Amino acid sequence: MDLQLKGKTALVTGASAGIGRAIATELGREGVKMVITGRRREELDKVAQEIAAAGGVKPGIVAHDAMDGGYLEAIARQCEATLGGVDILMNNAGGSRAFGKDATDEQWNEAFTLNFTRHRQLTLRFLPAMQARKWGRVIYITGKQEPDGVNGAFCAKAALTAFSKGLSREVGKQGITVNCIGPGRIMSDQIRRNYTPEYRAWQSEHEIPMGRYGEPEDLAVLAVFLASPRAGYITGTVSPVDGGLRRYQY
């Protein structure tokens, strides 16, 4: 299938590893011109070089921590210089914050800034130009929908899901779609840190119908499809990519 993405422009956050890296790589294969962001400049350089070596356009890079001041301006400047405008916004940056119900206000504020506020701010920064062009794709990589305890990221991602649904209803007539993808157990540095090989094997056998943890590419293919003109009638959705881990239908 020709996804009709060649010549489109994209911003991919959290692109130095894992899901973000896989999404950027797949977009590069489709001929999308990009800016990629993350904290680790060396890893971003590797991603950019790999995309160029595979025949894609070498992305612009913003190596910046999402919690730092100047994050939004640094991204906006790079996108203007490299892309001119952003057709596709892939909001992927974030991280688990499993700190429990008695966490401090500072912990809660950090969790929401990283996992909700920065996504909202980036969206509102680039949305007016999408509205003017009557075309755009906004995609949020959210998180687990069945929390087994308090986690600041889960709460922030729930807010992001609600924001996404509401926004989709406001901008649909302007040719802009807004969707969320909820990853299950997708292999990453964080997964390797938090779960032992023994636990991953047990969960794969007992809780995941597909019998394995996913790879970043398993999610990236859906993200790239949702970013394409082919997916123009899909909006306001939350699509899990979890090998069947979730236990409810909708």
Protein backbone atom coordinates (compact mmCIF):
# COMPACT_ATOMS: atom_id res chain seq x y z
CA MET A 1 0.00 0.00 0.00
CA ASP A 2 1.27 3.45 -0.92
CA LEU A 3 0.74 5.50 2.23
CA GLN A 4 1.09 8.76 0.27
CA LEU A 5 3.49 10.17 2.85
CA LYS A 6 6.40 11.19 0.62
CA GLY A 7 7.06 14.90 0.99
CA LYS A 8 5.16 15.26 4.27
CA THR A 9 6.92 16.71 7.32
CA ALA A 10 6.95 15.38 10.88
CA LEU A 11 8.14 16.07 14.40
CA VAL A 12 8.89 12.94 16.44
CA THR A 13 9.61 13.42 20.14
CA GLY A 14 11.43 10.88 22.28
CA ALA A 15 13.11 9.54 19.15
CA SER A 16 16.49 8.50 20.53
CA ALA A 17 15.39 4.95 21.42
CA GLY A 18 12.54 2.45 21.51
CA ILE A 19 9.17 3.39 20.09
CA GLY A 20 10.15 6.89 18.98
CA ARG A 21 13.21 5.62 17.17
CA ALA A 22 11.16 2.96 15.37
CA ILE A 23 8.52 5.51 14.34
CA ALA A 24 11.16 7.89 12.98
CA THR A 25 12.80 5.07 11.05
CA GLU A 26 9.52 3.98 9.46
CA LEU A 27 8.59 7.56 8.55
CA GLY A 28 12.01 7.96 6.97
CA ARG A 29 11.39 4.91 4.80
CA GLU A 30 8.18 6.54 3.60
CA GLY A 31 9.99 9.69 2.48
CA VAL A 32 8.91 11.93 5.34
CA LYS A 33 11.15 14.87 6.22
CA MET A 34 11.59 15.13 10.00
CA VAL A 35 12.85 16.79 13.11
CA ILE A 36 13.60 14.31 15.89
CA THR A 37 14.01 15.14 19.56
CA GLY A 38 15.32 13.46 22.68
CA ARG A 39 17.77 13.91 25.53
CA ARG A 40 20.70 11.97 24.06
CA ARG A 41 22.41 13.78 21.20
CA GLU A 42 24.67 10.84 20.35
CA GLU A 43 21.72 8.49 19.92
CA LEU A 44 19.76 11.02 17.89
CA ASP A 45 22.77 11.40 15.58
CA LYS A 46 22.78 7.63 15.08
CA VAL A 47 19.07 7.62 14.20
CA ALA A 48 19.53 10.47 11.73
CA GLN A 49 22.48 8.73 10.07
CA GLU A 50 20.58 5.44 9.80
CA ILE A 51 17.62 7.15 8.17
CA ALA A 52 19.87 8.89 5.66
CA ALA A 53 21.81 5.68 4.95
CA ALA A 54 18.52 3.92 4.16
CA GLY A 55 17.68 6.55 1.54
CA GLY A 56 15.59 8.92 3.65
CA VAL A 57 16.08 12.61 4.28
CA LYS A 58 18.45 13.17 7.20
CA PRO A 59 16.38 14.61 10.08
CA GLY A 60 17.05 17.77 11.99
CA ILE A 61 17.89 17.19 15.64
CA VAL A 62 16.90 18.81 18.92
CA ALA A 63 18.75 17.32 21.91
CA HIS A 64 16.85 18.79 24.84
CA ASP A 65 15.26 17.53 28.05
CA ALA A 66 11.49 18.06 27.97
CA MET A 67 11.60 19.33 31.56
CA ASP A 68 14.04 22.13 30.80
CA GLY A 69 13.14 25.69 30.01
CA GLY A 70 13.42 26.56 26.35
CA TYR A 71 12.32 23.09 25.22
CA LEU A 72 9.37 24.32 23.18
CA GLU A 73 11.26 27.19 21.60
CA ALA A 74 14.20 24.99 20.64
CA ILE A 75 11.87 22.59 18.85
CA ALA A 76 9.92 25.37 17.14
CA ARG A 77 13.11 26.99 15.83
CA GLN A 78 14.46 23.72 14.46
CA CYS A 79 11.17 22.81 12.80
CA GLU A 80 10.94 26.21 11.15
CA ALA A 81 14.51 26.01 9.91
CA THR A 82 14.40 22.38 8.76
CA LEU A 83 10.80 21.78 7.74
CA GLY A 84 9.05 25.10 7.34
CA GLY A 85 5.96 23.52 8.88
CA VAL A 86 4.86 20.34 10.63
CA ASP A 87 2.25 18.10 8.98
CA ILE A 88 2.57 15.21 11.46
CA LEU A 89 3.13 15.54 15.20
CA MET A 90 4.23 12.33 16.91
CA ASN A 91 4.07 12.97 20.67
CA ASN A 92 6.05 10.08 22.09
CA ALA A 93 8.23 11.51 24.90
CA GLY A 94 7.36 10.47 28.45
CA GLY A 95 8.15 8.05 31.20
CA SER A 96 6.69 5.97 34.01
CA ARG A 97 6.38 7.61 37.43
CA ALA A 98 5.39 4.80 39.83
CA PHE A 99 5.51 6.86 43.01
CA GLY A 100 2.27 5.92 44.81
CA LYS A 101 -0.64 7.90 46.19
CA ASP A 102 1.39 9.80 48.81
CA ALA A 103 3.79 11.44 46.38
CA THR A 104 4.67 15.10 46.77
CA ASP A 105 3.18 17.90 44.68
CA GLU A 106 6.57 18.27 43.03
CA GLN A 107 6.48 14.64 41.90
CA TRP A 108 2.95 14.99 40.54
CA ASN A 109 3.80 18.22 38.73
CA GLU A 110 6.85 16.63 37.11
CA ALA A 111 4.84 13.60 35.99
CA PHE A 112 2.13 15.74 34.43
CA THR A 113 4.56 18.15 32.79
CA LEU A 114 6.43 15.32 31.10
CA ASN A 115 3.47 13.13 30.18
CA PHE A 116 0.69 15.63 29.48
CA THR A 117 1.56 19.33 29.51
CA ARG A 118 4.45 19.22 27.06
CA HIS A 119 2.33 17.21 24.59
CA ARG A 120 -0.51 19.72 24.88
CA GLN A 121 1.86 22.66 24.47
CA LEU A 122 3.53 21.21 21.38
CA THR A 123 0.16 20.42 19.84
CA LEU A 124 -1.15 23.94 20.36
CA ARG A 125 2.12 25.34 19.00
CA PHE A 126 1.81 23.57 15.65
CA LEU A 127 -1.98 23.24 15.36
CA PRO A 128 -2.73 26.70 13.90
CA ALA A 129 -0.55 26.03 10.84
CA MET A 130 -2.27 22.66 10.33
CA GLN A 131 -5.63 24.42 10.51
CA ALA A 132 -4.50 26.97 7.95
CA ARG A 133 -3.39 24.19 5.58
CA LYS A 134 -6.55 22.14 6.26
CA TRP A 135 -4.45 19.02 6.92
CA GLY A 136 -2.65 17.52 9.87
CA ARG A 137 -2.04 14.43 11.96
CA VAL A 138 -1.59 14.46 15.74
CA ILE A 139 -0.69 11.16 17.40
CA TYR A 140 -0.07 10.56 21.09
CA ILE A 141 1.73 7.49 22.41
CA THR A 142 -0.11 7.04 25.70
CA GLY A 143 0.15 4.12 28.09
CA LYS A 144 -1.41 1.39 30.13
CA GLN A 145 -5.20 1.63 30.48
CA GLU A 146 -5.54 -0.85 33.36
CA PRO A 147 -3.36 0.47 36.20
CA ASP A 148 -2.57 -1.92 39.01
CA GLY A 149 -1.58 0.92 41.34
CA VAL A 150 -1.01 4.66 41.40
CA ASN A 151 1.43 5.85 38.76
CA GLY A 152 1.75 9.51 37.85
CA ALA A 153 2.29 8.68 34.20
CA PHE A 154 -0.93 6.63 34.01
CA CYS A 155 -2.90 9.57 35.40
CA ALA A 156 -1.26 12.04 33.04
CA LYS A 157 -1.80 9.78 30.05
CA ALA A 158 -5.47 9.46 30.97
CA ALA A 159 -5.68 13.25 30.80
CA LEU A 160 -3.92 13.13 27.44
CA THR A 161 -6.47 10.63 26.15
CA ALA A 162 -9.34 12.90 27.20
CA PHE A 163 -7.63 15.92 25.64
CA SER A 164 -7.10 13.99 22.40
CA LYS A 165 -10.73 12.97 22.14
CA GLY A 166 -11.99 16.48 22.77
CA LEU A 167 -9.52 18.02 20.34
CA SER A 168 -10.47 15.54 17.62
CA ARG A 169 -14.03 16.84 17.75
CA GLU A 170 -12.93 20.45 17.35
CA VAL A 171 -10.56 20.07 14.39
CA GLY A 172 -12.00 17.22 12.33
CA LYS A 173 -13.70 19.49 9.81
CA GLN A 174 -10.34 21.14 9.17
CA GLY A 175 -8.79 17.93 7.86
CA ILE A 176 -6.90 17.14 11.08
CA THR A 177 -7.07 13.79 12.84
CA VAL A 178 -6.08 13.19 16.48
CA ASN A 179 -5.45 9.68 17.77
CA CYS A 180 -3.81 7.81 20.64
CA ILE A 181 -1.88 4.56 20.63
CA GLY A 182 -1.65 2.64 23.89
CA PRO A 183 1.44 0.43 24.04
CA GLY A 184 1.43 -2.75 26.05
CA ARG A 185 4.69 -4.48 26.89
CA ILE A 186 6.92 -3.06 24.16
CA MET A 187 10.61 -3.85 24.58
CA SER A 188 12.67 -0.83 25.62
CA ASP A 189 15.47 0.16 27.96
CA GLN A 190 12.84 0.97 30.58
CA ILE A 191 11.22 -2.47 30.26
CA ARG A 192 14.62 -4.13 30.61
CA ARG A 193 15.36 -2.09 33.73
CA ASN A 194 12.01 -2.67 35.41
CA TYR A 195 11.26 -6.32 34.58
CA THR A 196 13.57 -9.30 34.88
CA PRO A 197 13.90 -11.77 32.01
CA GLU A 198 12.15 -14.34 34.23
CA TYR A 199 9.15 -12.09 34.79
CA ARG A 200 8.96 -11.19 31.11
CA ALA A 201 8.93 -14.86 30.21
CA TRP A 202 6.23 -15.61 32.80
CA GLN A 203 4.01 -12.74 31.67
CA SER A 204 4.44 -13.63 28.01
CA GLU A 205 3.26 -17.17 28.73
CA HIS A 206 0.42 -16.41 31.13
CA GLU A 207 -0.97 -12.95 30.32
CA ILE A 208 -0.21 -12.03 26.70
CA PRO A 209 -2.24 -13.98 24.13
CA MET A 210 0.43 -13.49 21.47
CA GLY A 211 2.96 -15.09 23.80
CA ARG A 212 5.65 -12.42 23.66
CA TYR A 213 6.53 -8.82 24.44
CA GLY A 214 6.19 -6.53 21.46
CA GLU A 215 8.95 -4.82 19.56
CA PRO A 216 8.93 -1.06 18.85
CA GLU A 217 8.33 -1.81 15.16
CA ASP A 218 5.04 -3.54 16.07
CA LEU A 219 3.71 -0.17 17.21
CA ALA A 220 5.49 1.98 14.66
CA VAL A 221 3.63 0.49 11.71
CA LEU A 222 0.29 1.61 13.18
CA ALA A 223 1.61 5.07 14.04
CA VAL A 224 2.84 5.59 10.49
CA PHE A 225 -0.46 4.42 9.01
CA LEU A 226 -2.41 6.80 11.25
CA ALA A 227 -0.10 9.58 10.09
CA SER A 228 -0.89 8.94 6.46
CA PRO A 229 -3.54 10.41 4.17
CA ARG A 230 -4.94 6.87 3.93
CA ALA A 231 -6.13 7.15 7.55
CA GLY A 232 -8.14 10.31 7.00
CA TYR A 233 -11.38 8.92 8.46
CA ILE A 234 -9.83 7.60 11.68
CA THR A 235 -9.87 10.10 14.55
CA GLY A 236 -10.63 10.31 18.26
CA THR A 237 -9.47 6.72 18.83
CA VAL A 238 -7.31 4.93 21.38
CA SER A 239 -5.75 1.91 19.71
CA PRO A 240 -3.89 -0.60 21.91
CA VAL A 241 -0.83 -2.38 20.60
CA ASP A 242 -0.35 -4.96 23.30
CA GLY A 243 -0.62 -8.48 21.90
CA GLY A 244 -4.06 -8.82 23.50
CA LEU A 245 -2.86 -8.02 27.06
CA ARG A 246 -5.85 -5.81 27.88
CA ARG A 247 -8.76 -7.82 29.25
CA TYR A 248 -11.71 -5.71 28.14
CA GLN A 249 -13.18 -5.23 24.71
CA TYR A 250 -13.18 -1.44 24.26
